[in-house]
Protein backbone atom coordinates (compact mmCIF):
# COMPACT_ATOMS: atom_id res chain seq x y z
CA MET A 1 -35.04 34.94 -59.50
CA TYR A 2 -33.16 35.87 -56.38
CA SER A 3 -33.67 38.39 -53.63
CA VAL A 4 -31.08 40.35 -51.72
CA SER A 5 -31.18 40.48 -47.93
CA VAL A 6 -28.83 42.54 -45.77
CA PRO A 7 -28.40 42.81 -42.01
CA VAL A 8 -28.69 46.27 -40.51
CA ILE A 9 -27.52 46.72 -36.92
CA VAL A 10 -30.30 48.54 -35.11
CA ASN A 11 -28.06 50.48 -32.68
CA LEU A 12 -25.97 51.82 -35.56
CA THR A 13 -29.05 53.21 -37.29
CA GLU A 14 -29.47 55.46 -34.28
CA GLN A 15 -25.81 56.32 -34.03
CA TYR A 16 -25.32 57.26 -37.70
CA GLY A 17 -28.90 58.05 -38.74
CA ILE A 18 -31.39 55.61 -40.19
CA GLU A 19 -31.83 57.76 -43.30
CA LYS A 20 -28.25 56.90 -44.34
CA TYR A 21 -29.04 53.20 -44.07
CA VAL A 22 -32.25 53.60 -46.06
CA ALA A 23 -30.31 55.40 -48.80
CA GLU A 24 -27.65 52.67 -48.96
CA VAL A 25 -30.23 49.91 -49.00
CA LYS A 26 -31.97 51.63 -51.91
CA ARG A 27 -28.67 52.11 -53.73
CA ALA A 28 -27.86 48.41 -53.32
CA HIS A 29 -31.31 47.33 -54.61
CA VAL A 30 -32.00 45.33 -51.48
CA ASP A 31 -35.27 43.41 -51.15
CA ARG A 32 -35.18 42.48 -47.48
CA VAL A 33 -33.68 44.16 -44.44
CA MET A 34 -32.78 41.94 -41.51
CA LEU A 35 -32.64 43.98 -38.32
CA ALA A 36 -29.67 42.78 -36.27
CA LEU A 37 -29.45 43.19 -32.53
CA SER A 38 -26.35 44.22 -30.68
CA ASP A 39 -25.36 45.43 -27.27
CA GLY A 40 -26.32 49.02 -26.67
CA PRO A 41 -24.56 51.86 -24.95
CA GLY A 42 -24.13 50.66 -21.38
CA TYR A 43 -26.00 47.36 -21.64
CA SER A 44 -25.65 43.78 -22.80
CA ILE A 45 -28.62 42.58 -24.80
CA LEU A 46 -28.50 39.20 -23.06
CA GLU A 47 -27.45 40.03 -19.55
CA ASP A 48 -29.46 43.24 -19.16
CA TYR A 49 -32.47 42.28 -21.29
CA GLN A 50 -35.09 42.53 -18.55
CA LYS A 51 -33.84 45.93 -17.42
CA TYR A 52 -33.61 47.36 -20.98
CA LYS A 53 -36.38 45.32 -22.63
CA ASP A 54 -38.58 48.33 -23.42
CA VAL A 55 -35.64 50.27 -24.88
CA ILE A 56 -34.55 47.33 -27.05
CA ILE A 57 -38.06 46.62 -28.33
CA GLU A 58 -38.69 50.30 -29.08
CA LYS A 59 -35.47 50.56 -31.11
CA VAL A 60 -36.32 47.46 -33.15
CA ARG A 61 -39.90 48.53 -33.82
CA LYS A 62 -38.82 52.04 -34.83
CA ALA A 63 -36.34 50.66 -37.37
CA TYR A 64 -38.93 48.13 -38.55
CA ASP A 65 -41.49 50.88 -39.16
CA VAL A 66 -39.03 53.00 -41.16
CA PHE A 67 -37.90 50.20 -43.48
CA LYS A 68 -41.42 48.81 -43.85
CA ALA A 69 -42.70 52.28 -44.83
CA GLU A 70 -39.98 52.35 -47.51
CA GLY A 71 -41.46 49.16 -48.96
CA TYR A 72 -38.94 46.61 -47.73
CA GLU A 73 -39.62 43.18 -46.35
CA VAL A 74 -38.24 43.35 -42.82
CA GLY A 75 -37.07 40.48 -40.68
CA LEU A 76 -35.15 40.02 -37.47
CA TRP A 77 -31.60 38.68 -37.63
CA ILE A 78 -31.31 36.62 -34.49
CA TRP A 79 -27.87 35.48 -33.44
CA ALA A 80 -29.47 32.66 -31.45
CA PHE A 81 -26.70 31.11 -29.39
CA MET A 82 -23.68 33.03 -30.65
CA LYS A 83 -23.24 35.55 -27.89
CA LYS A 84 -20.88 35.55 -24.95
CA SER A 85 -22.68 35.65 -21.64
CA ASP A 86 -21.85 34.91 -18.04
CA VAL A 87 -25.56 34.57 -17.20
CA PHE A 88 -26.29 31.46 -19.27
CA THR A 89 -24.68 28.03 -19.51
CA HIS A 90 -22.10 27.76 -22.28
CA ILE A 91 -22.30 25.17 -25.07
CA GLU A 92 -20.30 22.01 -24.49
CA SER A 93 -19.21 19.87 -27.42
CA PRO A 94 -19.75 16.10 -27.50
CA LEU A 95 -16.06 15.83 -26.59
CA GLY A 96 -16.53 17.97 -23.48
CA LYS A 97 -14.96 21.20 -24.77
CA ILE A 98 -16.77 24.32 -23.55
CA THR A 99 -17.30 27.18 -25.98
CA TYR A 100 -17.42 30.39 -23.97
CA ASN A 101 -18.71 32.55 -26.83
CA GLU A 102 -21.98 30.67 -27.26
CA CYS A 103 -24.98 30.04 -25.05
CA CYS A 104 -26.36 26.55 -24.63
CA PRO A 105 -29.84 26.18 -26.15
CA ALA A 106 -30.70 23.62 -23.46
CA ASP A 107 -30.21 26.09 -20.59
CA PRO A 108 -33.76 26.64 -19.22
CA ARG A 109 -32.94 30.28 -18.39
CA TYR A 110 -31.81 30.87 -21.97
CA VAL A 111 -34.94 29.17 -23.35
CA GLU A 112 -37.08 31.41 -21.12
CA PHE A 113 -35.20 34.53 -22.24
CA PHE A 114 -35.41 33.64 -25.92
CA ALA A 115 -39.10 32.66 -25.76
CA ASP A 116 -39.91 35.97 -24.06
CA PHE A 117 -37.92 37.94 -26.63
CA ILE A 118 -39.45 36.19 -29.66
CA GLY A 119 -42.95 36.41 -28.19
CA THR A 120 -42.55 40.13 -27.54
CA MET A 121 -41.21 40.81 -31.03
CA ALA A 122 -44.00 38.77 -32.65
CA GLY A 123 -46.67 40.62 -30.68
């Protein structure tokens, strides 16, 4: 047996109406909804996280509650390191090439950010 999981971008559920997403998820016979984070209007989820933390968390929890009430398993689609940021160190390959569209998981500031975010979402 298999299960179907789809990402749903949280900010778009607000922009277009979460009821449309619920209807499409039902039509597609989805089992699991993975709430995906994205930059919001006027903020970067990485660079402005502390300033917009409450807004971001509220949006995710609201979407979670709606899909959970509809009977779906709900998870969080975390892009981990794949996000451009000027705040965190960029990943460097073993050959010394820097990738500017990804954050380095060894950057202590990034680890602190990510631990805070995961801890908040789990709580």
